Amino acid sequence: LVYPQSPRLYPTMTVNTTQSISTSGSPLKLEHATLEDIPELIEVWYNAFATPEMLAIWPNTPGVRQWWDQANRHDMQHKPREKYLKVVDTRNGRIAAYAKWSLQTAEERGPRFPPWHSDMDPQRNDAFIRNMEIGRARLVGGKKNFYLDMLGTHTDYRKMGAARMLIGWGCHMADQEGAFAYIDASAEGRPVYEKFGFVDLSDSASKAAGLASMVREPRN
């Protein structure tokens, strides 16, 4: 199932957080996330990214969880072009997946994260983030571009179309504003993004880090 691209399916994708979108026949519904959702978003993140590599960067400690809470809360409240979206299971209210789309360039956004928590390795984290920022600058720097900053699906909801709903929202917004879309994808996620028109333009540094630097041109 490829999430439909027709603009007619996205009539409410604006700043209005009271609207939602669902796919016919699916229990999943796409909505804007709110401050009240942050604790559950963090739970989804640690479920979706429970790999040694990711936990080395963002350890699952109370301190780092509080850091995530503050970072997400700050961006929701003070960066209106950073859009948090959730896919909700309408049968039980659980958040199945979430994404953070940055509808602005890196220069417009400013620092991606606040200072690292003391439980983190600052050198490791700086190198990881710097590699992604360099890839984005190399491929879409100087162009209007949006960035899929984060996308995580809970393991209970894999292969149900939640990620496609979140990706489709950002692609539609990029098309509306004539912007390139950029992502740092995992090898496992790359085929999904390719279905939306993303092209892998990774260099050797990105490949060594296990990332796929992918770009999607705007469509009219």
N, C-alpha and C. Protein backbone atom coordinates (compact mmCIF):
# COMPACT_ATOMS: atom_id res chain seq x y z
N LEU A 1 0.85 -1.19 0.00
CA LEU A 1 0.00 0.00 0.00
C LEU A 1 0.88 1.23 0.00
N VAL A 2 0.72 2.08 -1.00
CA VAL A 2 1.43 3.35 -1.07
C VAL A 2 0.46 4.44 -0.70
N TYR A 3 0.85 5.27 0.24
CA TYR A 3 -0.06 6.33 0.67
C TYR A 3 -0.38 7.25 -0.48
N PRO A 4 -1.66 7.52 -0.77
CA PRO A 4 -2.05 8.31 -1.93
C PRO A 4 -1.43 9.71 -1.93
N GLN A 5 -1.17 10.21 -3.12
CA GLN A 5 -0.52 11.51 -3.28
C GLN A 5 -1.49 12.63 -3.67
N SER A 6 -2.74 12.30 -3.95
CA SER A 6 -3.66 13.32 -4.44
C SER A 6 -3.90 14.41 -3.41
N PRO A 7 -3.74 15.70 -3.77
CA PRO A 7 -4.00 16.77 -2.82
C PRO A 7 -5.41 16.76 -2.27
N ARG A 8 -6.35 16.15 -2.97
CA ARG A 8 -7.72 16.13 -2.48
C ARG A 8 -7.84 15.34 -1.17
N LEU A 9 -6.86 14.50 -0.90
CA LEU A 9 -6.89 13.70 0.32
C LEU A 9 -6.28 14.43 1.50
N TYR A 10 -5.82 15.65 1.29
CA TYR A 10 -5.14 16.38 2.35
C TYR A 10 -5.80 17.74 2.60
N PRO A 11 -7.11 17.82 2.70
CA PRO A 11 -7.75 19.13 2.80
C PRO A 11 -7.52 19.82 4.13
N THR A 12 -7.10 19.10 5.16
CA THR A 12 -6.98 19.72 6.47
C THR A 12 -5.55 19.81 6.94
N MET A 13 -4.58 19.57 6.08
CA MET A 13 -3.20 19.58 6.52
C MET A 13 -2.66 21.01 6.57
N THR A 14 -3.08 21.71 7.59
CA THR A 14 -2.64 23.06 7.85
C THR A 14 -2.18 23.12 9.28
N VAL A 15 -2.00 24.34 9.80
CA VAL A 15 -1.58 24.49 11.19
C VAL A 15 -2.69 24.08 12.15
N ASN A 16 -3.90 23.96 11.65
CA ASN A 16 -5.04 23.60 12.49
C ASN A 16 -4.82 22.22 13.10
N THR A 17 -4.77 22.15 14.43
CA THR A 17 -4.50 20.89 15.10
C THR A 17 -5.77 20.16 15.49
N THR A 18 -6.90 20.66 15.11
CA THR A 18 -8.16 20.01 15.51
C THR A 18 -8.65 19.03 14.46
N GLN A 19 -8.00 19.00 13.30
CA GLN A 19 -8.44 18.14 12.22
C GLN A 19 -7.59 16.87 12.18
N SER A 20 -8.08 15.85 11.51
CA SER A 20 -7.34 14.61 11.38
C SER A 20 -7.67 13.97 10.04
N ILE A 21 -6.86 12.97 9.69
CA ILE A 21 -7.07 12.24 8.44
C ILE A 21 -6.96 10.76 8.74
N SER A 22 -7.84 9.98 8.17
CA SER A 22 -7.76 8.53 8.31
C SER A 22 -7.85 7.92 6.92
N THR A 23 -7.35 6.70 6.81
CA THR A 23 -7.42 5.96 5.56
C THR A 23 -8.61 5.02 5.62
N SER A 24 -9.39 4.99 4.57
CA SER A 24 -10.61 4.19 4.56
C SER A 24 -10.32 2.74 4.92
N GLY A 25 -11.09 2.21 5.87
CA GLY A 25 -10.94 0.82 6.27
C GLY A 25 -9.84 0.55 7.27
N SER A 26 -9.10 1.56 7.65
CA SER A 26 -8.00 1.38 8.60
C SER A 26 -8.37 1.97 9.95
N PRO A 27 -7.93 1.34 11.04
CA PRO A 27 -8.18 1.92 12.37
C PRO A 27 -7.23 3.05 12.70
N LEU A 28 -6.27 3.32 11.82
CA LEU A 28 -5.26 4.34 12.10
C LEU A 28 -5.69 5.70 11.58
N LYS A 29 -5.40 6.72 12.37
CA LYS A 29 -5.79 8.09 12.03
C LYS A 29 -4.60 9.02 12.25
N LEU A 30 -4.38 9.91 11.30
CA LEU A 30 -3.27 10.87 11.36
C LEU A 30 -3.74 12.18 11.98
N GLU A 31 -3.02 12.64 12.99
CA GLU A 31 -3.36 13.87 13.69
C GLU A 31 -2.09 14.63 14.04
N HIS A 32 -2.25 15.91 14.36
CA HIS A 32 -1.14 16.67 14.94
C HIS A 32 -0.97 16.25 16.39
N ALA A 33 0.27 16.10 16.82
CA ALA A 33 0.55 15.76 18.21
C ALA A 33 0.51 17.03 19.06
N THR A 34 0.29 16.85 20.36
CA THR A 34 0.19 17.96 21.30
C THR A 34 1.18 17.75 22.44
N LEU A 35 1.28 18.77 23.28
CA LEU A 35 2.17 18.67 24.44
C LEU A 35 1.82 17.48 25.32
N GLU A 36 0.54 17.19 25.43
CA GLU A 36 0.10 16.07 26.28
C GLU A 36 0.57 14.72 25.73
N ASP A 37 0.92 14.67 24.45
CA ASP A 37 1.35 13.41 23.84
C ASP A 37 2.83 13.11 24.08
N ILE A 38 3.59 14.08 24.55
CA ILE A 38 5.05 13.92 24.59
C ILE A 38 5.50 12.68 25.35
N PRO A 39 4.98 12.38 26.54
CA PRO A 39 5.44 11.16 27.21
C PRO A 39 5.26 9.90 26.37
N GLU A 40 4.13 9.80 25.68
CA GLU A 40 3.91 8.61 24.85
C GLU A 40 4.78 8.63 23.60
N LEU A 41 5.07 9.82 23.06
CA LEU A 41 5.99 9.90 21.92
C LEU A 41 7.35 9.35 22.31
N ILE A 42 7.79 9.68 23.51
CA ILE A 42 9.09 9.19 23.98
C ILE A 42 9.07 7.68 24.13
N GLU A 43 7.96 7.13 24.61
CA GLU A 43 7.83 5.68 24.71
C GLU A 43 7.92 5.03 23.32
N VAL A 44 7.25 5.63 22.34
CA VAL A 44 7.31 5.10 20.98
C VAL A 44 8.73 5.17 20.45
N TRP A 45 9.42 6.28 20.74
CA TRP A 45 10.80 6.44 20.25
C TRP A 45 11.68 5.31 20.78
N TYR A 46 11.63 5.06 22.07
CA TYR A 46 12.51 4.04 22.64
C TYR A 46 12.10 2.63 22.23
N ASN A 47 10.87 2.42 21.86
CA ASN A 47 10.46 1.14 21.30
C ASN A 47 10.97 0.99 19.87
N ALA A 48 10.85 2.05 19.09
CA ALA A 48 11.20 1.99 17.67
C ALA A 48 12.70 1.97 17.43
N PHE A 49 13.46 2.60 18.32
CA PHE A 49 14.91 2.75 18.10
C PHE A 49 15.72 2.02 19.17
N ALA A 50 15.25 0.86 19.57
CA ALA A 50 15.92 0.09 20.63
C ALA A 50 17.07 -0.74 20.07
N THR A 51 18.01 -0.07 19.41
CA THR A 51 19.20 -0.74 18.89
C THR A 51 20.41 -0.27 19.68
N PRO A 52 21.46 -1.07 19.76
CA PRO A 52 22.65 -0.64 20.49
C PRO A 52 23.22 0.67 19.98
N GLU A 53 23.17 0.86 18.66
CA GLU A 53 23.74 2.08 18.09
C GLU A 53 22.97 3.32 18.53
N MET A 54 21.65 3.25 18.50
CA MET A 54 20.85 4.42 18.87
C MET A 54 20.86 4.64 20.38
N LEU A 55 20.87 3.55 21.15
CA LEU A 55 20.88 3.71 22.60
C LEU A 55 22.23 4.20 23.11
N ALA A 56 23.28 4.02 22.31
CA ALA A 56 24.57 4.60 22.68
C ALA A 56 24.54 6.11 22.55
N ILE A 57 23.70 6.62 21.64
CA ILE A 57 23.59 8.06 21.44
C ILE A 57 22.56 8.66 22.40
N TRP A 58 21.42 8.00 22.51
CA TRP A 58 20.35 8.46 23.41
C TRP A 58 20.05 7.35 24.42
N PRO A 59 20.84 7.21 25.47
CA PRO A 59 20.62 6.13 26.44
C PRO A 59 19.22 6.22 27.05
N ASN A 60 18.69 5.06 27.38
CA ASN A 60 17.35 5.00 27.98
C ASN A 60 17.48 5.17 29.49
N THR A 61 17.71 6.40 29.90
CA THR A 61 17.83 6.72 31.32
C THR A 61 16.79 7.78 31.67
N PRO A 62 16.43 7.90 32.94
CA PRO A 62 15.48 8.95 33.32
C PRO A 62 15.93 10.34 32.90
N GLY A 63 17.24 10.60 33.00
CA GLY A 63 17.74 11.91 32.63
C GLY A 63 17.59 12.21 31.16
N VAL A 64 17.88 11.23 30.31
CA VAL A 64 17.76 11.45 28.87
C VAL A 64 16.29 11.52 28.47
N ARG A 65 15.45 10.75 29.11
CA ARG A 65 14.01 10.87 28.85
C ARG A 65 13.51 12.28 29.20
N GLN A 66 14.00 12.84 30.28
CA GLN A 66 13.62 14.21 30.63
C GLN A 66 14.17 15.19 29.60
N TRP A 67 15.37 14.91 29.11
CA TRP A 67 15.96 15.75 28.05
C TRP A 67 15.07 15.72 26.81
N TRP A 68 14.62 14.53 26.41
CA TRP A 68 13.71 14.42 25.27
C TRP A 68 12.42 15.21 25.52
N ASP A 69 11.89 15.10 26.71
CA ASP A 69 10.66 15.82 27.04
C ASP A 69 10.86 17.31 26.86
N GLN A 70 11.94 17.84 27.38
CA GLN A 70 12.19 19.27 27.29
C GLN A 70 12.47 19.70 25.86
N ALA A 71 13.22 18.88 25.11
CA ALA A 71 13.53 19.23 23.72
C ALA A 71 12.27 19.27 22.87
N ASN A 72 11.43 18.25 22.99
CA ASN A 72 10.18 18.22 22.22
C ASN A 72 9.23 19.33 22.64
N ARG A 73 9.14 19.55 23.93
CA ARG A 73 8.25 20.58 24.44
C ARG A 73 8.68 21.96 23.93
N HIS A 74 9.98 22.21 23.94
CA HIS A 74 10.49 23.50 23.47
C HIS A 74 10.14 23.72 22.00
N ASP A 75 10.37 22.70 21.17
CA ASP A 75 10.11 22.88 19.74
C ASP A 75 8.63 23.02 19.45
N MET A 76 7.78 22.28 20.14
CA MET A 76 6.34 22.44 19.95
C MET A 76 5.87 23.84 20.30
N GLN A 77 6.45 24.41 21.33
CA GLN A 77 5.99 25.70 21.83
C GLN A 77 6.64 26.89 21.14
N HIS A 78 7.88 26.72 20.66
CA HIS A 78 8.63 27.88 20.18
C HIS A 78 9.08 27.80 18.72
N LYS A 79 8.87 26.69 18.06
CA LYS A 79 9.28 26.56 16.66
C LYS A 79 8.07 26.11 15.84
N PRO A 80 7.26 27.04 15.39
CA PRO A 80 6.00 26.68 14.72
C PRO A 80 6.17 25.93 13.41
N ARG A 81 7.35 25.97 12.81
CA ARG A 81 7.55 25.23 11.57
C ARG A 81 8.09 23.82 11.82
N GLU A 82 8.24 23.45 13.07
CA GLU A 82 8.56 22.07 13.43
C GLU A 82 7.24 21.37 13.75
N LYS A 83 6.83 20.47 12.91
CA LYS A 83 5.50 19.86 13.01
C LYS A 83 5.57 18.44 13.54
N TYR A 84 4.93 18.22 14.66
CA TYR A 84 4.85 16.89 15.26
C TYR A 84 3.51 16.25 14.87
N LEU A 85 3.58 15.05 14.32
CA LEU A 85 2.39 14.33 13.88
C LEU A 85 2.36 12.96 14.54
N LYS A 86 1.16 12.47 14.76
CA LYS A 86 1.00 11.15 15.35
C LYS A 86 -0.01 10.36 14.54
N VAL A 87 0.15 9.05 14.54
CA VAL A 87 -0.83 8.14 13.98
C VAL A 87 -1.44 7.39 15.15
N VAL A 88 -2.75 7.54 15.32
CA VAL A 88 -3.45 6.99 16.48
C VAL A 88 -4.28 5.78 16.07
N ASP A 89 -4.24 4.76 16.91
CA ASP A 89 -5.12 3.61 16.74
C ASP A 89 -6.47 3.97 17.36
N THR A 90 -7.47 4.16 16.52
CA THR A 90 -8.78 4.61 17.00
C THR A 90 -9.50 3.56 17.85
N ARG A 91 -9.00 2.34 17.84
CA ARG A 91 -9.65 1.30 18.64
C ARG A 91 -9.31 1.42 20.13
N ASN A 92 -8.14 1.96 20.43
CA ASN A 92 -7.71 2.02 21.83
C ASN A 92 -7.02 3.32 22.22
N GLY A 93 -6.84 4.23 21.26
CA GLY A 93 -6.23 5.52 21.56
C GLY A 93 -4.72 5.52 21.60
N ARG A 94 -4.09 4.39 21.36
CA ARG A 94 -2.63 4.33 21.41
C ARG A 94 -2.01 5.08 20.24
N ILE A 95 -0.82 5.65 20.46
CA ILE A 95 -0.05 6.24 19.39
C ILE A 95 0.76 5.13 18.73
N ALA A 96 0.47 4.87 17.47
CA ALA A 96 1.14 3.80 16.74
C ALA A 96 2.47 4.25 16.16
N ALA A 97 2.55 5.52 15.80
CA ALA A 97 3.76 6.06 15.19
C ALA A 97 3.72 7.58 15.30
N TYR A 98 4.89 8.18 15.14
CA TYR A 98 4.91 9.64 15.13
C TYR A 98 6.06 10.11 14.26
N ALA A 99 5.98 11.36 13.85
CA ALA A 99 7.04 11.96 13.05
C ALA A 99 7.17 13.43 13.42
N LYS A 100 8.35 13.93 13.16
CA LYS A 100 8.62 15.36 13.28
C LYS A 100 9.12 15.84 11.93
N TRP A 101 8.33 16.67 11.29
CA TRP A 101 8.72 17.28 10.02
C TRP A 101 9.17 18.71 10.27
N SER A 102 10.35 19.04 9.81
CA SER A 102 10.87 20.40 9.90
C SER A 102 10.60 21.10 8.58
N LEU A 103 9.62 21.99 8.58
CA LEU A 103 9.21 22.67 7.35
C LEU A 103 9.99 23.96 7.17
N GLN A 104 11.30 23.84 7.23
CA GLN A 104 12.20 24.98 7.08
C GLN A 104 13.61 24.46 6.84
N THR A 105 14.48 25.34 6.37
CA THR A 105 15.86 24.95 6.16
C THR A 105 16.58 24.83 7.50
N ALA A 106 17.75 24.23 7.47
CA ALA A 106 18.54 24.10 8.70
C ALA A 106 18.90 25.47 9.26
N GLU A 107 19.17 26.42 8.36
CA GLU A 107 19.52 27.77 8.81
C GLU A 107 18.34 28.45 9.48
N GLU A 108 17.16 28.26 8.93
CA GLU A 108 15.96 28.85 9.54
C GLU A 108 15.62 28.19 10.87
N ARG A 109 15.88 26.91 10.97
CA ARG A 109 15.56 26.17 12.19
C ARG A 109 16.47 26.52 13.35
N GLY A 110 17.76 26.70 13.07
CA GLY A 110 18.72 26.88 14.15
C GLY A 110 19.18 25.54 14.69
N PRO A 111 19.75 25.51 15.89
CA PRO A 111 20.25 24.24 16.45
C PRO A 111 19.16 23.17 16.49
N ARG A 112 19.51 21.98 16.06
CA ARG A 112 18.52 20.90 16.01
C ARG A 112 18.15 20.40 17.40
N PHE A 113 19.12 20.37 18.29
CA PHE A 113 18.89 19.86 19.65
C PHE A 113 19.45 20.82 20.68
N PRO A 114 18.95 20.77 21.90
CA PRO A 114 19.55 21.53 23.00
C PRO A 114 20.86 20.87 23.42
N PRO A 115 21.61 21.48 24.33
CA PRO A 115 22.84 20.85 24.82
C PRO A 115 22.58 19.43 25.33
N TRP A 116 23.55 18.57 25.10
CA TRP A 116 23.38 17.17 25.48
C TRP A 116 23.29 17.00 26.99
N HIS A 117 22.55 15.98 27.40
CA HIS A 117 22.45 15.62 28.82
C HIS A 117 23.77 14.98 29.27
N SER A 118 24.04 15.04 30.56
CA SER A 118 25.29 14.48 31.09
C SER A 118 25.38 12.97 30.92
N ASP A 119 24.25 12.29 30.70
CA ASP A 119 24.27 10.85 30.46
C ASP A 119 24.71 10.50 29.04
N MET A 120 24.84 11.50 28.19
CA MET A 120 25.20 11.28 26.79
C MET A 120 26.70 11.51 26.58
N ASP A 121 27.19 10.96 25.48
CA ASP A 121 28.58 11.17 25.06
C ASP A 121 28.58 12.33 24.07
N PRO A 122 29.02 13.52 24.47
CA PRO A 122 28.89 14.68 23.57
C PRO A 122 29.69 14.54 22.28
N GLN A 123 30.85 13.92 22.34
CA GLN A 123 31.64 13.78 21.11
C GLN A 123 30.96 12.83 20.13
N ARG A 124 30.46 11.73 20.64
CA ARG A 124 29.76 10.78 19.78
C ARG A 124 28.52 11.43 19.16
N ASN A 125 27.76 12.13 19.99
CA ASN A 125 26.52 12.74 19.51
C ASN A 125 26.79 13.85 18.51
N ASP A 126 27.78 14.69 18.81
CA ASP A 126 28.12 15.77 17.89
C ASP A 126 28.52 15.21 16.52
N ALA A 127 29.32 14.15 16.52
CA ALA A 127 29.77 13.57 15.26
C ALA A 127 28.60 12.99 14.47
N PHE A 128 27.68 12.33 15.16
CA PHE A 128 26.52 11.73 14.50
C PHE A 128 25.63 12.79 13.86
N ILE A 129 25.32 13.84 14.62
CA ILE A 129 24.46 14.89 14.09
C ILE A 129 25.17 15.69 13.01
N ARG A 130 26.46 15.94 13.20
CA ARG A 130 27.21 16.71 12.21
C ARG A 130 27.23 15.99 10.86
N ASN A 131 27.36 14.69 10.87
CA ASN A 131 27.37 13.93 9.63
C ASN A 131 26.05 14.10 8.87
N MET A 132 24.94 14.10 9.60
CA MET A 132 23.64 14.29 8.95
C MET A 132 23.48 15.71 8.43
N GLU A 133 23.93 16.68 9.21
CA GLU A 133 23.80 18.08 8.78
C GLU A 133 24.65 18.35 7.54
N ILE A 134 25.83 17.73 7.48
CA ILE A 134 26.69 17.90 6.31
C ILE A 134 26.03 17.31 5.07
N GLY A 135 25.42 16.14 5.23
CA GLY A 135 24.74 15.52 4.09
C GLY A 135 23.60 16.38 3.57
N ARG A 136 22.83 16.94 4.47
CA ARG A 136 21.72 17.80 4.05
C ARG A 136 22.24 19.04 3.34
N ALA A 137 23.29 19.65 3.88
CA ALA A 137 23.85 20.86 3.26
C ALA A 137 24.42 20.54 1.88
N ARG A 138 25.05 19.39 1.75
CA ARG A 138 25.65 19.01 0.47
C ARG A 138 24.60 18.84 -0.61
N LEU A 139 23.46 18.28 -0.26
CA LEU A 139 22.48 17.89 -1.27
C LEU A 139 21.39 18.93 -1.52
N VAL A 140 20.98 19.64 -0.49
CA VAL A 140 19.88 20.60 -0.68
C VAL A 140 20.21 21.98 -0.11
N GLY A 141 21.45 22.20 0.28
CA GLY A 141 21.83 23.51 0.78
C GLY A 141 21.62 24.59 -0.27
N GLY A 142 21.10 25.73 0.14
CA GLY A 142 20.81 26.81 -0.79
C GLY A 142 19.49 26.67 -1.51
N LYS A 143 18.78 25.58 -1.27
CA LYS A 143 17.46 25.35 -1.86
C LYS A 143 16.42 25.33 -0.75
N LYS A 144 15.20 25.66 -1.09
CA LYS A 144 14.12 25.51 -0.13
C LYS A 144 13.91 24.02 0.12
N ASN A 145 14.04 23.61 1.38
CA ASN A 145 13.93 22.19 1.66
C ASN A 145 13.32 21.94 3.03
N PHE A 146 12.57 20.84 3.12
CA PHE A 146 11.98 20.38 4.37
C PHE A 146 12.68 19.08 4.78
N TYR A 147 12.67 18.80 6.07
CA TYR A 147 13.45 17.69 6.60
C TYR A 147 12.59 16.80 7.48
N LEU A 148 12.61 15.51 7.19
CA LEU A 148 11.95 14.55 8.07
C LEU A 148 12.91 14.25 9.22
N ASP A 149 12.75 15.00 10.30
CA ASP A 149 13.68 14.94 11.42
C ASP A 149 13.58 13.63 12.18
N MET A 150 12.38 13.10 12.30
CA MET A 150 12.17 11.91 13.11
C MET A 150 10.95 11.15 12.61
N LEU A 151 11.05 9.84 12.59
CA LEU A 151 9.89 9.00 12.31
C LEU A 151 10.10 7.67 13.01
N GLY A 152 9.19 7.33 13.89
CA GLY A 152 9.27 6.06 14.59
C GLY A 152 7.93 5.38 14.65
N THR A 153 7.91 4.08 14.39
CA THR A 153 6.70 3.28 14.46
C THR A 153 6.86 2.23 15.55
N HIS A 154 5.88 2.13 16.42
CA HIS A 154 5.92 1.11 17.47
C HIS A 154 5.90 -0.27 16.84
N THR A 155 6.62 -1.20 17.44
CA THR A 155 6.72 -2.54 16.86
C THR A 155 5.36 -3.24 16.76
N ASP A 156 4.40 -2.84 17.56
CA ASP A 156 3.06 -3.43 17.47
C ASP A 156 2.32 -3.02 16.21
N TYR A 157 2.84 -1.98 15.52
CA TYR A 157 2.09 -1.42 14.39
C TYR A 157 2.91 -1.38 13.10
N ARG A 158 3.94 -2.20 13.02
CA ARG A 158 4.72 -2.26 11.79
C ARG A 158 3.89 -2.86 10.65
N LYS A 159 4.17 -2.43 9.45
CA LYS A 159 3.53 -2.96 8.23
C LYS A 159 2.02 -2.68 8.18
N MET A 160 1.59 -1.59 8.84
CA MET A 160 0.17 -1.24 8.81
C MET A 160 -0.09 0.10 8.11
N GLY A 161 0.96 0.69 7.54
CA GLY A 161 0.78 1.93 6.79
C GLY A 161 0.95 3.20 7.59
N ALA A 162 1.33 3.11 8.86
CA ALA A 162 1.47 4.32 9.68
C ALA A 162 2.58 5.21 9.16
N ALA A 163 3.73 4.62 8.83
CA ALA A 163 4.85 5.42 8.33
C ALA A 163 4.48 6.10 7.02
N ARG A 164 3.76 5.41 6.17
CA ARG A 164 3.37 5.99 4.88
C ARG A 164 2.48 7.22 5.07
N MET A 165 1.62 7.18 6.08
CA MET A 165 0.77 8.34 6.35
C MET A 165 1.62 9.54 6.75
N LEU A 166 2.62 9.30 7.58
CA LEU A 166 3.47 10.39 8.06
C LEU A 166 4.38 10.92 6.95
N ILE A 167 4.91 10.04 6.14
CA ILE A 167 5.75 10.47 5.02
C ILE A 167 4.91 11.23 4.00
N GLY A 168 3.73 10.71 3.70
CA GLY A 168 2.87 11.35 2.72
C GLY A 168 2.48 12.76 3.10
N TRP A 169 2.25 13.00 4.40
CA TRP A 169 1.91 14.35 4.86
C TRP A 169 3.02 15.33 4.51
N GLY A 170 4.26 14.97 4.84
CA GLY A 170 5.37 15.88 4.58
C GLY A 170 5.62 16.09 3.10
N CYS A 171 5.47 15.03 2.30
CA CYS A 171 5.66 15.17 0.86
C CYS A 171 4.62 16.12 0.27
N HIS A 172 3.40 16.01 0.75
CA HIS A 172 2.36 16.90 0.26
C HIS A 172 2.67 18.35 0.63
N MET A 173 3.11 18.58 1.86
CA MET A 173 3.45 19.94 2.27
C MET A 173 4.61 20.49 1.44
N ALA A 174 5.60 19.65 1.16
CA ALA A 174 6.72 20.08 0.33
C ALA A 174 6.26 20.44 -1.07
N ASP A 175 5.36 19.64 -1.63
CA ASP A 175 4.84 19.94 -2.96
C ASP A 175 4.05 21.24 -2.96
N GLN A 176 3.26 21.46 -1.93
CA GLN A 176 2.47 22.69 -1.84
C GLN A 176 3.35 23.93 -1.85
N GLU A 177 4.52 23.83 -1.22
CA GLU A 177 5.39 25.00 -1.08
C GLU A 177 6.59 24.96 -2.02
N GLY A 178 6.63 23.98 -2.93
CA GLY A 178 7.71 23.90 -3.89
C GLY A 178 9.06 23.64 -3.26
N ALA A 179 9.09 22.79 -2.24
CA ALA A 179 10.31 22.52 -1.49
C ALA A 179 10.83 21.11 -1.76
N PHE A 180 12.14 20.97 -1.74
CA PHE A 180 12.73 19.65 -1.71
C PHE A 180 12.46 19.02 -0.35
N ALA A 181 12.40 17.70 -0.30
CA ALA A 181 12.29 16.98 0.97
C ALA A 181 13.55 16.16 1.15
N TYR A 182 14.08 16.17 2.37
CA TYR A 182 15.33 15.47 2.66
C TYR A 182 15.15 14.57 3.87
N ILE A 183 15.75 13.40 3.82
CA ILE A 183 15.71 12.49 4.96
C ILE A 183 17.05 11.78 5.10
N ASP A 184 17.36 11.39 6.33
CA ASP A 184 18.46 10.47 6.61
C ASP A 184 17.81 9.14 6.96
N ALA A 185 17.75 8.24 6.01
CA ALA A 185 17.01 7.00 6.18
C ALA A 185 17.92 5.86 6.61
N SER A 186 17.32 4.88 7.26
CA SER A 186 18.03 3.63 7.52
C SER A 186 17.97 2.76 6.27
N ALA A 187 18.83 1.76 6.22
CA ALA A 187 18.80 0.85 5.08
C ALA A 187 17.45 0.15 4.98
N GLU A 188 16.86 -0.16 6.14
CA GLU A 188 15.57 -0.85 6.14
C GLU A 188 14.45 0.05 5.64
N GLY A 189 14.55 1.34 5.93
CA GLY A 189 13.49 2.26 5.55
C GLY A 189 13.58 2.78 4.13
N ARG A 190 14.74 2.62 3.51
CA ARG A 190 14.96 3.22 2.20
C ARG A 190 13.92 2.80 1.16
N PRO A 191 13.53 1.52 1.04
CA PRO A 191 12.54 1.16 0.02
C PRO A 191 11.20 1.88 0.18
N VAL A 192 10.81 2.14 1.42
CA VAL A 192 9.54 2.86 1.64
C VAL A 192 9.64 4.27 1.10
N TYR A 193 10.74 4.94 1.38
CA TYR A 193 10.90 6.31 0.91
C TYR A 193 11.01 6.37 -0.61
N GLU A 194 11.62 5.37 -1.20
CA GLU A 194 11.73 5.36 -2.66
C GLU A 194 10.36 5.35 -3.32
N LYS A 195 9.37 4.74 -2.68
CA LYS A 195 8.02 4.72 -3.24
C LYS A 195 7.40 6.11 -3.30
N PHE A 196 7.93 7.03 -2.51
CA PHE A 196 7.43 8.42 -2.51
C PHE A 196 8.27 9.32 -3.41
N GLY A 197 9.24 8.75 -4.10
CA GLY A 197 10.05 9.54 -5.01
C GLY A 197 11.37 10.00 -4.46
N PHE A 198 11.75 9.55 -3.27
CA PHE A 198 13.06 9.89 -2.73
C PHE A 198 14.14 9.10 -3.46
N VAL A 199 15.28 9.75 -3.67
CA VAL A 199 16.42 9.13 -4.35
C VAL A 199 17.61 9.12 -3.40
N ASP A 200 18.28 7.99 -3.31
CA ASP A 200 19.44 7.84 -2.43
C ASP A 200 20.66 8.48 -3.09
N LEU A 201 21.17 9.53 -2.47
CA LEU A 201 22.34 10.25 -2.99
C LEU A 201 23.46 10.23 -1.96
N SER A 202 23.57 9.15 -1.23
CA SER A 202 24.54 9.05 -0.14
C SER A 202 25.97 9.10 -0.66
N ASP A 203 26.83 9.71 0.15
CA ASP A 203 28.26 9.64 -0.11
C ASP A 203 28.86 8.59 0.81
N SER A 204 30.17 8.42 0.75
CA SER A 204 30.82 7.36 1.52
C SER A 204 30.67 7.57 3.01
N ALA A 205 30.67 8.83 3.47
CA ALA A 205 30.55 9.10 4.90
C ALA A 205 29.19 8.68 5.43
N SER A 206 28.15 8.98 4.68
CA SER A 206 26.81 8.58 5.10
C SER A 206 26.66 7.07 5.12
N LYS A 207 27.19 6.41 4.09
CA LYS A 207 27.10 4.96 4.04
C LYS A 207 27.85 4.32 5.20
N ALA A 208 28.99 4.88 5.55
CA ALA A 208 29.77 4.34 6.67
C ALA A 208 29.01 4.47 7.98
N ALA A 209 28.18 5.51 8.09
CA ALA A 209 27.38 5.71 9.30
C ALA A 209 26.08 4.92 9.27
N GLY A 210 25.85 4.17 8.20
CA GLY A 210 24.64 3.37 8.10
C GLY A 210 23.41 4.17 7.72
N LEU A 211 23.61 5.32 7.09
CA LEU A 211 22.51 6.19 6.72
C LEU A 211 22.40 6.30 5.20
N ALA A 212 21.19 6.55 4.74
CA ALA A 212 20.94 6.83 3.33
C ALA A 212 20.46 8.27 3.22
N SER A 213 21.26 9.12 2.58
CA SER A 213 20.89 10.52 2.38
C SER A 213 19.98 10.59 1.16
N MET A 214 18.70 10.89 1.38
CA MET A 214 17.71 10.79 0.32
C MET A 214 17.02 12.12 0.07
N VAL A 215 16.82 12.42 -1.20
CA VAL A 215 16.23 13.69 -1.61
C VAL A 215 15.03 13.42 -2.52
N ARG A 216 14.01 14.22 -2.33
CA ARG A 216 12.82 14.17 -3.18
C ARG A 216 12.58 15.55 -3.75
N GLU A 217 12.48 15.64 -5.07
CA GLU A 217 12.20 16.92 -5.71
C GLU A 217 10.72 17.25 -5.60
N PRO A 218 10.39 18.55 -5.54
CA PRO A 218 8.97 18.92 -5.44
C PRO A 218 8.22 18.56 -6.71
N ARG A 219 6.96 18.20 -6.54
CA ARG A 219 6.10 17.86 -7.66
C ARG A 219 4.96 18.85 -7.73
N ASN A 220 4.61 19.23 -8.93
CA ASN A 220 3.50 20.17 -9.11
C ASN A 220 2.16 19.42 -9.13
